[in-house]
Amino acid sequence: MAYLTDRKRVQGLGSAKTGTEHHWTMTVTSVALLLLTPFFLFIVGGLLGQPHDAVAASLSRPIPALVVAAFLVVGLHHMRLGMQVLVEDYTRGLGRKIGLIATTILCYALAAGAVVALAQIAL
């Protein structure tokens, strides 16, 4: 029989104190994506099947380029937050640390690559 208090049994297993911030960030990025998605689909949907010159001309205008860039950056940040939850829930120890680092690098690398590719098309 162990003589532990309730506090001693749960020590170290409590709140990480970032849950509210994480939830709020997920909510904000969700609402931003909810607003950006119709504009993104309108812009990109109209460009499907168009020749390269028409796509470059459309994305060289500031408003469509900003909408596409904002959608990509916000979407990939939202993806990083979602993948963080998955890694934290289903992995432990060193695998968790490696998973968090890898998913963060992957998402931000994809966002940077998308913005660079968009800049190359627009310029």
PDB file of N, CA and C in Angstrom:
ATOM      1  N   MET A   1       0.844  -1.167   0.000  1.00  0.00           N
ATOM      2  CA  MET A   1       0.000   0.000   0.000  1.00  0.00           C
ATOM      3  C   MET A   1       0.896   1.238   0.000  1.00  0.00           C
ATOM      4  N   ALA A   2       0.562   2.185  -0.860  1.00  0.00           N
ATOM      5  CA  ALA A   2       1.337   3.410  -0.952  1.00  0.00           C
ATOM      6  C   ALA A   2       0.660   4.500  -0.125  1.00  0.00           C
ATOM      7  N   TYR A   3       1.473   5.237   0.582  1.00  0.00           N
ATOM      8  CA  TYR A   3       0.958   6.334   1.405  1.00  0.00           C
ATOM      9  C   TYR A   3       1.224   7.649   0.702  1.00  0.00           C
ATOM     10  N   LEU A   4       0.519   7.883  -0.400  1.00  0.00           N
ATOM     11  CA  LEU A   4       0.670   9.101  -1.171  1.00  0.00           C
ATOM     12  C   LEU A   4      -0.585   9.946  -1.053  1.00  0.00           C
ATOM     13  N   THR A   5      -0.381  11.235  -1.002  1.00  0.00           N
ATOM     14  CA  THR A   5      -1.533  12.126  -1.014  1.00  0.00           C
ATOM     15  C   THR A   5      -2.025  12.242  -2.459  1.00  0.00           C
ATOM     16  N   ASP A   6      -3.231  12.741  -2.601  1.00  0.00           N
ATOM     17  CA  ASP A   6      -3.781  12.928  -3.944  1.00  0.00           C
ATOM     18  C   ASP A   6      -2.916  13.871  -4.763  1.00  0.00           C
ATOM     19  N   ARG A   7      -2.406  14.897  -4.134  1.00  0.00           N
ATOM     20  CA  ARG A   7      -1.558  15.854  -4.833  1.00  0.00           C
ATOM     21  C   ARG A   7      -0.275  15.194  -5.315  1.00  0.00           C
ATOM     22  N   LYS A   8       0.305  14.357  -4.518  1.00  0.00           N
ATOM     23  CA  LYS A   8       1.561  13.705  -4.877  1.00  0.00           C
ATOM     24  C   LYS A   8       1.352  12.731  -6.043  1.00  0.00           C
ATOM     25  N   ARG A   9       0.193  12.078  -6.088  1.00  0.00           N
ATOM     26  CA  ARG A   9      -0.096  11.137  -7.165  1.00  0.00           C
ATOM     27  C   ARG A   9      -0.188  11.819  -8.523  1.00  0.00           C
ATOM     28  N   VAL A  10      -0.697  13.029  -8.582  1.00  0.00           N
ATOM     29  CA  VAL A  10      -0.893  13.708  -9.859  1.00  0.00           C
ATOM     30  C   VAL A  10       0.173  14.751 -10.155  1.00  0.00           C
ATOM     31  N   GLN A  11       1.132  14.910  -9.280  1.00  0.00           N
ATOM     32  CA  GLN A  11       2.162  15.926  -9.505  1.00  0.00           C
ATOM     33  C   GLN A  11       2.905  15.623 -10.800  1.00  0.00           C
ATOM     34  N   GLY A  12       3.076  16.627 -11.609  1.00  0.00           N
ATOM     35  CA  GLY A  12       3.742  16.462 -12.892  1.00  0.00           C
ATOM     36  C   GLY A  12       2.809  16.051 -14.009  1.00  0.00           C
ATOM     37  N   LEU A  13       1.549  15.783 -13.699  1.00  0.00           N
ATOM     38  CA  LEU A  13       0.596  15.373 -14.723  1.00  0.00           C
ATOM     39  C   LEU A  13      -0.472  16.432 -14.957  1.00  0.00           C
ATOM     40  N   GLY A  14      -0.231  17.614 -14.472  1.00  0.00           N
ATOM     41  CA  GLY A  14      -1.246  18.653 -14.563  1.00  0.00           C
ATOM     42  C   GLY A  14      -1.201  19.415 -15.868  1.00  0.00           C
ATOM     43  N   SER A  15      -1.797  20.560 -15.853  1.00  0.00           N
ATOM     44  CA  SER A  15      -1.933  21.397 -17.025  1.00  0.00           C
ATOM     45  C   SER A  15      -0.586  21.921 -17.496  1.00  0.00           C
ATOM     46  N   ALA A  16      -0.438  22.010 -18.814  1.00  0.00           N
ATOM     47  CA  ALA A  16       0.765  22.603 -19.388  1.00  0.00           C
ATOM     48  C   ALA A  16       0.606  24.122 -19.497  1.00  0.00           C
ATOM     49  N   LYS A  17      -0.572  24.614 -19.185  1.00  0.00           N
ATOM     50  CA  LYS A  17      -0.890  26.046 -19.150  1.00  0.00           C
ATOM     51  C   LYS A  17      -0.848  26.716 -20.523  1.00  0.00           C
ATOM     52  N   THR A  18      -0.949  25.958 -21.602  1.00  0.00           N
ATOM     53  CA  THR A  18      -0.996  26.543 -22.938  1.00  0.00           C
ATOM     54  C   THR A  18      -2.251  26.130 -23.687  1.00  0.00           C
ATOM     55  N   GLY A  19      -3.142  25.404 -23.060  1.00  0.00           N
ATOM     56  CA  GLY A  19      -4.338  24.906 -23.732  1.00  0.00           C
ATOM     57  C   GLY A  19      -5.258  26.008 -24.202  1.00  0.00           C
ATOM     58  N   THR A  20      -5.449  27.040 -23.408  1.00  0.00           N
ATOM     59  CA  THR A  20      -6.332  28.134 -23.792  1.00  0.00           C
ATOM     60  C   THR A  20      -5.763  28.887 -24.982  1.00  0.00           C
ATOM     61  N   GLU A  21      -4.466  29.161 -24.944  1.00  0.00           N
ATOM     62  CA  GLU A  21      -3.823  29.858 -26.070  1.00  0.00           C
ATOM     63  C   GLU A  21      -3.912  29.024 -27.344  1.00  0.00           C
ATOM     64  N   HIS A  22      -3.664  27.729 -27.221  1.00  0.00           N
ATOM     65  CA  HIS A  22      -3.718  26.845 -28.382  1.00  0.00           C
ATOM     66  C   HIS A  22      -5.137  26.809 -28.959  1.00  0.00           C
ATOM     67  N   HIS A  23      -6.139  26.674 -28.078  1.00  0.00           N
ATOM     68  CA  HIS A  23      -7.529  26.643 -28.528  1.00  0.00           C
ATOM     69  C   HIS A  23      -7.909  27.963 -29.199  1.00  0.00           C
ATOM     70  N   TRP A  24      -7.506  29.066 -28.614  1.00  0.00           N
ATOM     71  CA  TRP A  24      -7.837  30.376 -29.175  1.00  0.00           C
ATOM     72  C   TRP A  24      -7.182  30.557 -30.546  1.00  0.00           C
ATOM     73  N   THR A  25      -5.929  30.139 -30.695  1.00  0.00           N
ATOM     74  CA  THR A  25      -5.232  30.251 -31.975  1.00  0.00           C
ATOM     75  C   THR A  25      -5.906  29.378 -33.022  1.00  0.00           C
ATOM     76  N   MET A  26      -6.297  28.165 -32.638  1.00  0.00           N
ATOM     77  CA  MET A  26      -7.009  27.286 -33.574  1.00  0.00           C
ATOM     78  C   MET A  26      -8.342  27.916 -33.989  1.00  0.00           C
ATOM     79  N   THR A  27      -9.033  28.547 -33.061  1.00  0.00           N
ATOM     80  CA  THR A  27     -10.307  29.182 -33.371  1.00  0.00           C
ATOM     81  C   THR A  27     -10.116  30.358 -34.323  1.00  0.00           C
ATOM     82  N   VAL A  28      -9.123  31.175 -34.062  1.00  0.00           N
ATOM     83  CA  VAL A  28      -8.864  32.345 -34.914  1.00  0.00           C
ATOM     84  C   VAL A  28      -8.463  31.907 -36.322  1.00  0.00           C
ATOM     85  N   THR A  29      -7.573  30.910 -36.433  1.00  0.00           N
ATOM     86  CA  THR A  29      -7.168  30.459 -37.767  1.00  0.00           C
ATOM     87  C   THR A  29      -8.335  29.776 -38.485  1.00  0.00           C
ATOM     88  N   SER A  30      -9.210  29.110 -37.741  1.00  0.00           N
ATOM     89  CA  SER A  30     -10.392  28.494 -38.357  1.00  0.00           C
ATOM     90  C   SER A  30     -11.316  29.556 -38.944  1.00  0.00           C
ATOM     91  N   VAL A  31     -11.554  30.602 -38.201  1.00  0.00           N
ATOM     92  CA  VAL A  31     -12.419  31.680 -38.692  1.00  0.00           C
ATOM     93  C   VAL A  31     -11.762  32.380 -39.877  1.00  0.00           C
ATOM     94  N   ALA A  32     -10.465  32.609 -39.801  1.00  0.00           N
ATOM     95  CA  ALA A  32      -9.754  33.231 -40.925  1.00  0.00           C
ATOM     96  C   ALA A  32      -9.860  32.362 -42.172  1.00  0.00           C
ATOM     97  N   LEU A  33      -9.693  31.054 -42.021  1.00  0.00           N
ATOM     98  CA  LEU A  33      -9.829  30.157 -43.171  1.00  0.00           C
ATOM     99  C   LEU A  33     -11.260  30.123 -43.684  1.00  0.00           C
ATOM    100  N   LEU A  34     -12.216  30.223 -42.777  1.00  0.00           N
ATOM    101  CA  LEU A  34     -13.616  30.251 -43.180  1.00  0.00           C
ATOM    102  C   LEU A  34     -13.896  31.460 -44.073  1.00  0.00           C
ATOM    103  N   LEU A  35     -13.266  32.584 -43.770  1.00  0.00           N
ATOM    104  CA  LEU A  35     -13.449  33.787 -44.572  1.00  0.00           C
ATOM    105  C   LEU A  35     -12.603  33.772 -45.847  1.00  0.00           C
ATOM    106  N   LEU A  36     -11.400  33.219 -45.781  1.00  0.00           N
ATOM    107  CA  LEU A  36     -10.489  33.244 -46.926  1.00  0.00           C
ATOM    108  C   LEU A  36     -10.809  32.179 -47.975  1.00  0.00           C
ATOM    109  N   THR A  37     -11.378  31.052 -47.567  1.00  0.00           N
ATOM    110  CA  THR A  37     -11.583  29.935 -48.494  1.00  0.00           C
ATOM    111  C   THR A  37     -12.466  30.285 -49.691  1.00  0.00           C
ATOM    112  N   PRO A  38     -13.607  30.956 -49.530  1.00  0.00           N
ATOM    113  CA  PRO A  38     -14.396  31.290 -50.731  1.00  0.00           C
ATOM    114  C   PRO A  38     -13.640  32.196 -51.704  1.00  0.00           C
ATOM    115  N   PHE A  39     -12.893  33.160 -51.189  1.00  0.00           N
ATOM    116  CA  PHE A  39     -12.121  34.036 -52.070  1.00  0.00           C
ATOM    117  C   PHE A  39     -11.013  33.260 -52.782  1.00  0.00           C
ATOM    118  N   PHE A  40     -10.348  32.375 -52.019  1.00  0.00           N
ATOM    119  CA  PHE A  40      -9.293  31.550 -52.607  1.00  0.00           C
ATOM    120  C   PHE A  40      -9.863  30.666 -53.711  1.00  0.00           C
ATOM    121  N   LEU A  41     -10.994  30.025 -53.449  1.00  0.00           N
ATOM    122  CA  LEU A  41     -11.599  29.155 -54.457  1.00  0.00           C
ATOM    123  C   LEU A  41     -12.067  29.943 -55.676  1.00  0.00           C
ATOM    124  N   PHE A  42     -12.582  31.141 -55.462  1.00  0.00           N
ATOM    125  CA  PHE A  42     -13.003  31.991 -56.581  1.00  0.00           C
ATOM    126  C   PHE A  42     -11.807  32.358 -57.451  1.00  0.00           C
ATOM    127  N   ILE A  43     -10.693  32.722 -56.812  1.00  0.00           N
ATOM    128  CA  ILE A  43      -9.497  33.129 -57.562  1.00  0.00           C
ATOM    129  C   ILE A  43      -8.870  31.938 -58.274  1.00  0.00           C
ATOM    130  N   VAL A  44      -8.597  30.880 -57.528  1.00  0.00           N
ATOM    131  CA  VAL A  44      -7.909  29.727 -58.095  1.00  0.00           C
ATOM    132  C   VAL A  44      -8.828  28.945 -59.030  1.00  0.00           C
ATOM    133  N   GLY A  45     -10.096  28.848 -58.691  1.00  0.00           N
ATOM    134  CA  GLY A  45     -11.042  28.147 -59.561  1.00  0.00           C
ATOM    135  C   GLY A  45     -11.150  28.771 -60.933  1.00  0.00           C
ATOM    136  N   GLY A  46     -11.081  30.090 -60.981  1.00  0.00           N
ATOM    137  CA  GLY A  46     -11.130  30.788 -62.258  1.00  0.00           C
ATOM    138  C   GLY A  46      -9.867  30.616 -63.086  1.00  0.00           C
ATOM    139  N   LEU A  47      -8.795  30.214 -62.442  1.00  0.00           N
ATOM    140  CA  LEU A  47      -7.521  30.048 -63.144  1.00  0.00           C
ATOM    141  C   LEU A  47      -7.292  28.628 -63.638  1.00  0.00           C
ATOM    142  N   LEU A  48      -8.140  27.687 -63.216  1.00  0.00           N
ATOM    143  CA  LEU A  48      -7.966  26.301 -63.645  1.00  0.00           C
ATOM    144  C   LEU A  48      -8.148  26.189 -65.151  1.00  0.00           C
ATOM    145  N   GLY A  49      -7.202  25.550 -65.802  1.00  0.00           N
ATOM    146  CA  GLY A  49      -7.264  25.356 -67.246  1.00  0.00           C
ATOM    147  C   GLY A  49      -6.786  26.534 -68.061  1.00  0.00           C
ATOM    148  N   GLN A  50      -6.408  27.606 -67.400  1.00  0.00           N
ATOM    149  CA  GLN A  50      -5.917  28.787 -68.104  1.00  0.00           C
ATOM    150  C   GLN A  50      -4.447  28.604 -68.485  1.00  0.00           C
ATOM    151  N   PRO A  51      -3.993  29.274 -69.524  1.00  0.00           N
ATOM    152  CA  PRO A  51      -2.567  29.205 -69.862  1.00  0.00           C
ATOM    153  C   PRO A  51      -1.717  29.928 -68.808  1.00  0.00           C
ATOM    154  N   HIS A  52      -0.441  29.620 -68.818  1.00  0.00           N
ATOM    155  CA  HIS A  52       0.483  30.174 -67.823  1.00  0.00           C
ATOM    156  C   HIS A  52       0.457  31.700 -67.803  1.00  0.00           C
ATOM    157  N   ASP A  53       0.382  32.316 -68.967  1.00  0.00           N
ATOM    158  CA  ASP A  53       0.386  33.783 -69.032  1.00  0.00           C
ATOM    159  C   ASP A  53      -0.824  34.388 -68.318  1.00  0.00           C
ATOM    160  N   ALA A  54      -1.984  33.759 -68.450  1.00  0.00           N
ATOM    161  CA  ALA A  54      -3.191  34.267 -67.786  1.00  0.00           C
ATOM    162  C   ALA A  54      -3.089  34.103 -66.272  1.00  0.00           C
ATOM    163  N   VAL A  55      -2.532  32.966 -65.835  1.00  0.00           N
ATOM    164  CA  VAL A  55      -2.356  32.737 -64.399  1.00  0.00           C
ATOM    165  C   VAL A  55      -1.373  33.746 -63.821  1.00  0.00           C
ATOM    166  N   ALA A  56      -0.256  33.943 -64.503  1.00  0.00           N
ATOM    167  CA  ALA A  56       0.750  34.907 -64.034  1.00  0.00           C
ATOM    168  C   ALA A  56       0.182  36.322 -64.008  1.00  0.00           C
ATOM    169  N   ALA A  57      -0.611  36.680 -65.015  1.00  0.00           N
ATOM    170  CA  ALA A  57      -1.211  38.018 -65.049  1.00  0.00           C
ATOM    171  C   ALA A  57      -2.204  38.201 -63.896  1.00  0.00           C
ATOM    172  N   SER A  58      -2.981  37.170 -63.615  1.00  0.00           N
ATOM    173  CA  SER A  58      -3.960  37.274 -62.532  1.00  0.00           C
ATOM    174  C   SER A  58      -3.282  37.353 -61.168  1.00  0.00           C
ATOM    175  N   LEU A  59      -2.275  36.508 -60.943  1.00  0.00           N
ATOM    176  CA  LEU A  59      -1.595  36.495 -59.646  1.00  0.00           C
ATOM    177  C   LEU A  59      -0.591  37.633 -59.479  1.00  0.00           C
ATOM    178  N   SER A  60      -0.344  38.378 -60.535  1.00  0.00           N
ATOM    179  CA  SER A  60       0.554  39.531 -60.391  1.00  0.00           C
ATOM    180  C   SER A  60      -0.185  40.757 -59.862  1.00  0.00           C
ATOM    181  N   ARG A  61      -1.521  40.685 -59.848  1.00  0.00           N
ATOM    182  CA  ARG A  61      -2.291  41.772 -59.227  1.00  0.00           C
ATOM    183  C   ARG A  61      -2.232  41.610 -57.715  1.00  0.00           C
ATOM    184  N   PRO A  62      -2.218  42.703 -56.955  1.00  0.00           N
ATOM    185  CA  PRO A  62      -1.979  42.600 -55.512  1.00  0.00           C
ATOM    186  C   PRO A  62      -3.063  41.875 -54.713  1.00  0.00           C
ATOM    187  N   ILE A  63      -4.322  42.115 -54.990  1.00  0.00           N
ATOM    188  CA  ILE A  63      -5.388  41.519 -54.174  1.00  0.00           C
ATOM    189  C   ILE A  63      -5.433  39.997 -54.324  1.00  0.00           C
ATOM    190  N   PRO A  64      -5.467  39.450 -55.534  1.00  0.00           N
ATOM    191  CA  PRO A  64      -5.455  37.987 -55.631  1.00  0.00           C
ATOM    192  C   PRO A  64      -4.197  37.357 -55.035  1.00  0.00           C
ATOM    193  N   ALA A  65      -3.056  37.992 -55.228  1.00  0.00           N
ATOM    194  CA  ALA A  65      -1.809  37.448 -54.676  1.00  0.00           C
ATOM    195  C   ALA A  65      -1.847  37.460 -53.150  1.00  0.00           C
ATOM    196  N   LEU A  66      -2.365  38.517 -52.557  1.00  0.00           N
ATOM    197  CA  LEU A  66      -2.450  38.585 -51.097  1.00  0.00           C
ATOM    198  C   LEU A  66      -3.448  37.572 -50.537  1.00  0.00           C
ATOM    199  N   VAL A  67      -4.561  37.381 -51.210  1.00  0.00           N
ATOM    200  CA  VAL A  67      -5.550  36.411 -50.741  1.00  0.00           C
ATOM    201  C   VAL A  67      -4.972  35.003 -50.792  1.00  0.00           C
ATOM    202  N   VAL A  68      -4.315  34.654 -51.902  1.00  0.00           N
ATOM    203  CA  VAL A  68      -3.715  33.319 -52.031  1.00  0.00           C
ATOM    204  C   VAL A  68      -2.611  33.139 -50.990  1.00  0.00           C
ATOM    205  N   ALA A  69      -1.756  34.143 -50.808  1.00  0.00           N
ATOM    206  CA  ALA A  69      -0.675  34.040 -49.824  1.00  0.00           C
ATOM    207  C   ALA A  69      -1.231  33.907 -48.411  1.00  0.00           C
ATOM    208  N   ALA A  70      -2.240  34.710 -48.081  1.00  0.00           N
ATOM    209  CA  ALA A  70      -2.832  34.640 -46.744  1.00  0.00           C
ATOM    210  C   ALA A  70      -3.474  33.280 -46.513  1.00  0.00           C
ATOM    211  N   PHE A  71      -4.183  32.755 -47.512  1.00  0.00           N
ATOM    212  CA  PHE A  71      -4.806  31.443 -47.378  1.00  0.00           C
ATOM    213  C   PHE A  71      -3.758  30.371 -47.134  1.00  0.00           C
ATOM    214  N   LEU A  72      -2.673  30.398 -47.889  1.00  0.00           N
ATOM    215  CA  LEU A  72      -1.636  29.385 -47.742  1.00  0.00           C
ATOM    216  C   LEU A  72      -0.944  29.473 -46.383  1.00  0.00           C
ATOM    217  N   VAL A  73      -0.586  30.667 -45.963  1.00  0.00           N
ATOM    218  CA  VAL A  73       0.134  30.829 -44.696  1.00  0.00           C
ATOM    219  C   VAL A  73      -0.761  30.472 -43.509  1.00  0.00           C
ATOM    220  N   VAL A  74      -1.979  30.989 -43.503  1.00  0.00           N
ATOM    221  CA  VAL A  74      -2.902  30.696 -42.392  1.00  0.00           C
ATOM    222  C   VAL A  74      -3.264  29.214 -42.392  1.00  0.00           C
ATOM    223  N   GLY A  75      -3.498  28.651 -43.567  1.00  0.00           N
ATOM    224  CA  GLY A  75      -3.842  27.233 -43.662  1.00  0.00           C
ATOM    225  C   GLY A  75      -2.725  26.333 -43.161  1.00  0.00           C
ATOM    226  N   LEU A  76      -1.494  26.647 -43.503  1.00  0.00           N
ATOM    227  CA  LEU A  76      -0.382  25.815 -43.052  1.00  0.00           C
ATOM    228  C   LEU A  76      -0.088  26.021 -41.567  1.00  0.00           C
ATOM    229  N   HIS A  77      -0.339  27.211 -41.042  1.00  0.00           N
ATOM    230  CA  HIS A  77      -0.189  27.416 -39.600  1.00  0.00           C
ATOM    231  C   HIS A  77      -1.261  26.611 -38.849  1.00  0.00           C
ATOM    232  N   HIS A  78      -2.479  26.621 -39.367  1.00  0.00           N
ATOM    233  CA  HIS A  78      -3.565  25.837 -38.776  1.00  0.00           C
ATOM    234  C   HIS A  78      -3.230  24.342 -38.837  1.00  0.00           C
ATOM    235  N   MET A  79      -2.635  23.929 -39.944  1.00  0.00           N
ATOM    236  CA  MET A  79      -2.232  22.529 -40.080  1.00  0.00           C
ATOM    237  C   MET A  79      -1.176  22.164 -39.039  1.00  0.00           C
ATOM    238  N   ARG A  80      -0.229  23.071 -38.795  1.00  0.00           N
ATOM    239  CA  ARG A  80       0.801  22.807 -37.789  1.00  0.00           C
ATOM    240  C   ARG A  80       0.188  22.621 -36.409  1.00  0.00           C
ATOM    241  N   LEU A  81      -0.773  23.460 -36.076  1.00  0.00           N
ATOM    242  CA  LEU A  81      -1.424  23.345 -34.771  1.00  0.00           C
ATOM    243  C   LEU A  81      -2.190  22.035 -34.645  1.00  0.00           C
ATOM    244  N   GLY A  82      -2.863  21.627 -35.701  1.00  0.00           N
ATOM    245  CA  GLY A  82      -3.579  20.362 -35.673  1.00  0.00           C
ATOM    246  C   GLY A  82      -2.647  19.169 -35.573  1.00  0.00           C
ATOM    247  N   MET A  83      -1.540  19.221 -36.309  1.00  0.00           N
ATOM    248  CA  MET A  83      -0.564  18.131 -36.244  1.00  0.00           C
ATOM    249  C   MET A  83       0.103  18.083 -34.875  1.00  0.00           C
ATOM    250  N   GLN A  84       0.270  19.237 -34.249  1.00  0.00           N
ATOM    251  CA  GLN A  84       0.838  19.276 -32.899  1.00  0.00           C
ATOM    252  C   GLN A  84      -0.049  18.514 -31.928  1.00  0.00           C
ATOM    253  N   VAL A  85      -1.348  18.701 -32.037  1.00  0.00           N
ATOM    254  CA  VAL A  85      -2.282  17.985 -31.167  1.00  0.00           C
ATOM    255  C   VAL A  85      -2.175  16.479 -31.396  1.00  0.00           C
ATOM    256  N   LEU A  86      -2.105  16.074 -32.653  1.00  0.00           N
ATOM    257  CA  LEU A  86      -1.989  14.642 -32.951  1.00  0.00           C
ATOM    258  C   LEU A  86      -0.711  14.051 -32.376  1.00  0.00           C
ATOM    259  N   VAL A  87       0.400  14.743 -32.569  1.00  0.00           N
ATOM    260  CA  VAL A  87       1.678  14.229 -32.058  1.00  0.00           C
ATOM    261  C   VAL A  87       1.656  14.174 -30.534  1.00  0.00           C
ATOM    262  N   GLU A  88       1.146  15.207 -29.891  1.00  0.00           N
ATOM    263  CA  GLU A  88       1.109  15.223 -28.429  1.00  0.00           C
ATOM    264  C   GLU A  88       0.185  14.145 -27.865  1.00  0.00           C
ATOM    265  N   ASP A  89      -0.899  13.847 -28.562  1.00  0.00           N
ATOM    266  CA  ASP A  89      -1.849  12.862 -28.057  1.00  0.00           C
ATOM    267  C   ASP A  89      -1.389  11.422 -28.257  1.00  0.00           C
ATOM    268  N   TYR A  90      -0.650  11.148 -29.320  1.00  0.00           N
ATOM    269  CA  TYR A  90      -0.385   9.762 -29.683  1.00  0.00           C
ATOM    270  C   TYR A  90       1.074   9.340 -29.596  1.00  0.00           C
ATOM    271  N   THR A  91       1.975  10.202 -29.192  1.00  0.00           N
ATOM    272  CA  THR A  91       3.376   9.803 -29.042  1.00  0.00           C
ATOM    273  C   THR A  91       3.886  10.212 -27.675  1.00  0.00           C
ATOM    274  N   ARG A  92       4.975   9.581 -27.260  1.00  0.00           N
ATOM    275  CA  ARG A  92       5.575   9.853 -25.952  1.00  0.00           C
ATOM    276  C   ARG A  92       7.081   9.942 -26.100  1.00  0.00           C
ATOM    277  N   GLY A  93       7.723  10.571 -25.148  1.00  0.00           N
ATOM    278  CA  GLY A  93       9.178  10.600 -25.040  1.00  0.00           C
ATOM    279  C   GLY A  93       9.868  11.297 -26.191  1.00  0.00           C
ATOM    280  N   LEU A  94      10.943  10.677 -26.655  1.00  0.00           N
ATOM    281  CA  LEU A  94      11.762  11.265 -27.724  1.00  0.00           C
ATOM    282  C   LEU A  94      10.979  11.363 -29.028  1.00  0.00           C
ATOM    283  N   GLY A  95      10.108  10.389 -29.277  1.00  0.00           N
ATOM    284  CA  GLY A  95       9.286  10.432 -30.491  1.00  0.00           C
ATOM    285  C   GLY A  95       8.411  11.667 -30.546  1.00  0.00           C
ATOM    286  N   ARG A  96       7.915  12.084 -29.393  1.00  0.00           N
ATOM    287  CA  ARG A  96       7.095  13.301 -29.329  1.00  0.00           C
ATOM    288  C   ARG A  96       7.921  14.528 -29.699  1.00  0.00           C
ATOM    289  N   LYS A  97       9.112  14.627 -29.147  1.00  0.00           N
ATOM    290  CA  LYS A  97       9.958  15.788 -29.440  1.00  0.00           C
ATOM    291  C   LYS A  97      10.339  15.830 -30.913  1.00  0.00           C
ATOM    292  N   ILE A  98      10.740  14.674 -31.441  1.00  0.00           N
ATOM    293  CA  ILE A  98      11.117  14.619 -32.856  1.00  0.00           C
ATOM    294  C   ILE A  98       9.909  14.919 -33.739  1.00  0.00           C
ATOM    295  N   GLY A  99       8.756  14.384 -33.380  1.00  0.00           N
ATOM    296  CA  GLY A  99       7.545  14.635 -34.155  1.00  0.00           C
ATOM    297  C   GLY A  99       7.144  16.095 -34.165  1.00  0.00           C
ATOM    298  N   LEU A 100       7.223  16.736 -33.005  1.00  0.00           N
ATOM    299  CA  LEU A 100       6.868  18.164 -32.936  1.00  0.00           C
ATOM    300  C   LEU A 100       7.827  19.014 -33.757  1.00  0.00           C
ATOM    301  N   ILE A 101       9.107  18.719 -33.647  1.00  0.00           N
ATOM    302  CA  ILE A 101      10.094  19.480 -34.417  1.00  0.00           C
ATOM    303  C   ILE A 101       9.895  19.246 -35.905  1.00  0.00           C
ATOM    304  N   ALA A 102       9.704  17.987 -36.297  1.00  0.00           N
ATOM    305  CA  ALA A 102       9.557  17.664 -37.718  1.00  0.00           C
ATOM    306  C   ALA A 102       8.300  18.295 -38.316  1.00  0.00           C
ATOM    307  N   THR A 103       7.186  18.233 -37.606  1.00  0.00           N
ATOM    308  CA  THR A 103       5.956  18.807 -38.152  1.00  0.00           C
ATOM    309  C   THR A 103       6.032  20.332 -38.221  1.00  0.00           C
ATOM    310  N   THR A 104       6.673  20.938 -37.236  1.00  0.00           N
ATOM    311  CA  THR A 104       6.829  22.395 -37.269  1.00  0.00           C
ATOM    312  C   THR A 104       7.697  22.813 -38.449  1.00  0.00           C
ATOM    313  N   ILE A 105       8.818  22.123 -38.639  1.00  0.00           N
ATOM    314  CA  ILE A 105       9.704  22.448 -39.759  1.00  0.00           C
ATOM    315  C   ILE A 105       8.990  22.217 -41.082  1.00  0.00           C
ATOM    316  N   LEU A 106       8.273  21.106 -41.199  1.00  0.00           N
ATOM    317  CA  LEU A 106       7.565  20.785 -42.433  1.00  0.00           C
ATOM    318  C   LEU A 106       6.538  21.855 -42.782  1.00  0.00           C
ATOM    319  N   CYS A 107       5.718  22.241 -41.826  1.00  0.00           N
ATOM    320  CA  CYS A 107       4.653  23.211 -42.098  1.00  0.00           C
ATOM    321  C   CYS A 107       5.211  24.584 -42.453  1.00  0.00           C
ATOM    322  N   TYR A 108       6.215  25.038 -41.714  1.00  0.00           N
ATOM    323  CA  TYR A 108       6.771  26.352 -42.025  1.00  0.00           C
ATOM    324  C   TYR A 108       7.594  26.331 -43.308  1.00  0.00           C
ATOM    325  N   ALA A 109       8.219  25.205 -43.633  1.00  0.00           N
ATOM    326  CA  ALA A 109       8.939  25.086 -44.906  1.00  0.00           C
ATOM    327  C   ALA A 109       7.949  25.113 -46.074  1.00  0.00           C
ATOM    328  N   LEU A 110       6.825  24.422 -45.922  1.00  0.00           N
ATOM    329  CA  LEU A 110       5.798  24.460 -46.963  1.00  0.00           C
ATOM    330  C   LEU A 110       5.230  25.871 -47.140  1.00  0.00           C
ATOM    331  N   ALA A 111       5.021  26.573 -46.037  1.00  0.00           N
ATOM    332  CA  ALA A 111       4.508  27.945 -46.124  1.00  0.00           C
ATOM    333  C   ALA A 111       5.517  28.859 -46.821  1.00  0.00           C
ATOM    334  N   ALA A 112       6.779  28.730 -46.452  1.00  0.00           N
ATOM    335  CA  ALA A 112       7.818  29.557 -47.087  1.00  0.00           C
ATOM    336  C   ALA A 112       7.924  29.218 -48.568  1.00  0.00           C
ATOM    337  N   GLY A 113       7.899  27.928 -48.892  1.00  0.00           N
ATOM    338  CA  GLY A 113       7.967  27.525 -50.293  1.00  0.00           C
ATOM    339  C   GLY A 113       6.782  28.028 -51.101  1.00  0.00           C
ATOM    340  N   ALA A 114       5.597  27.995 -50.504  1.00  0.00           N
ATOM    341  CA  ALA A 114       4.399  28.474 -51.193  1.00  0.00           C
ATOM    342  C   ALA A 114       4.478  29.974 -51.456  1.00  0.00           C
ATOM    343  N   VAL A 115       4.947  30.727 -50.484  1.00  0.00           N
ATOM    344  CA  VAL A 115       5.057  32.179 -50.668  1.00  0.00           C
ATOM    345  C   VAL A 115       6.127  32.507 -51.712  1.00  0.00           C
ATOM    346  N   VAL A 116       7.243  31.794 -51.690  1.00  0.00           N
ATOM    347  CA  VAL A 116       8.299  32.026 -52.694  1.00  0.00           C
ATOM    348  C   VAL A 116       7.780  31.671 -54.082  1.00  0.00           C
ATOM    349  N   ALA A 117       7.089  30.543 -54.213  1.00  0.00           N
ATOM    350  CA  ALA A 117       6.537  30.141 -55.507  1.00  0.00           C
ATOM    351  C   ALA A 117       5.517  31.164 -56.009  1.00  0.00           C
ATOM    352  N   LEU A 118       4.683  31.655 -55.111  1.00  0.00           N
ATOM    353  CA  LEU A 118       3.709  32.676 -55.495  1.00  0.00           C
ATOM    354  C   LEU A 118       4.410  33.958 -55.934  1.00  0.00           C
ATOM    355  N   ALA A 119       5.452  34.333 -55.218  1.00  0.00           N
ATOM    356  CA  ALA A 119       6.217  35.535 -55.594  1.00  0.00           C
ATOM    357  C   ALA A 119       6.874  35.364 -56.962  1.00  0.00           C
ATOM    358  N   GLN A 120       7.398  34.178 -57.237  1.00  0.00           N
ATOM    359  CA  GLN A 120       8.007  33.941 -58.545  1.00  0.00           C
ATOM    360  C   GLN A 120       6.975  33.979 -59.667  1.00  0.00           C
ATOM    361  N   ILE A 121       5.782  33.474 -59.406  1.00  0.00           N
ATOM    362  CA  ILE A 121       4.732  33.540 -60.433  1.00  0.00           C
ATOM    363  C   ILE A 121       4.289  34.982 -60.627  1.00  0.00           C
ATOM    364  N   ALA A 122       4.140  35.708 -59.522  1.00  0.00           N
ATOM    365  CA  ALA A 122       3.605  37.072 -59.606  1.00  0.00           C
ATOM    366  C   ALA A 122       4.613  38.065 -60.175  1.00  0.00           C
ATOM    367  N   LEU A 123       5.875  37.784 -60.012  1.00  0.00           N
ATOM    368  CA  LEU A 123       6.881  38.739 -60.501  1.00  0.00           C
ATOM    369  C   LEU A 123       7.372  38.268 -61.805  1.00  0.00           C
TER     370      LEU A 123
END
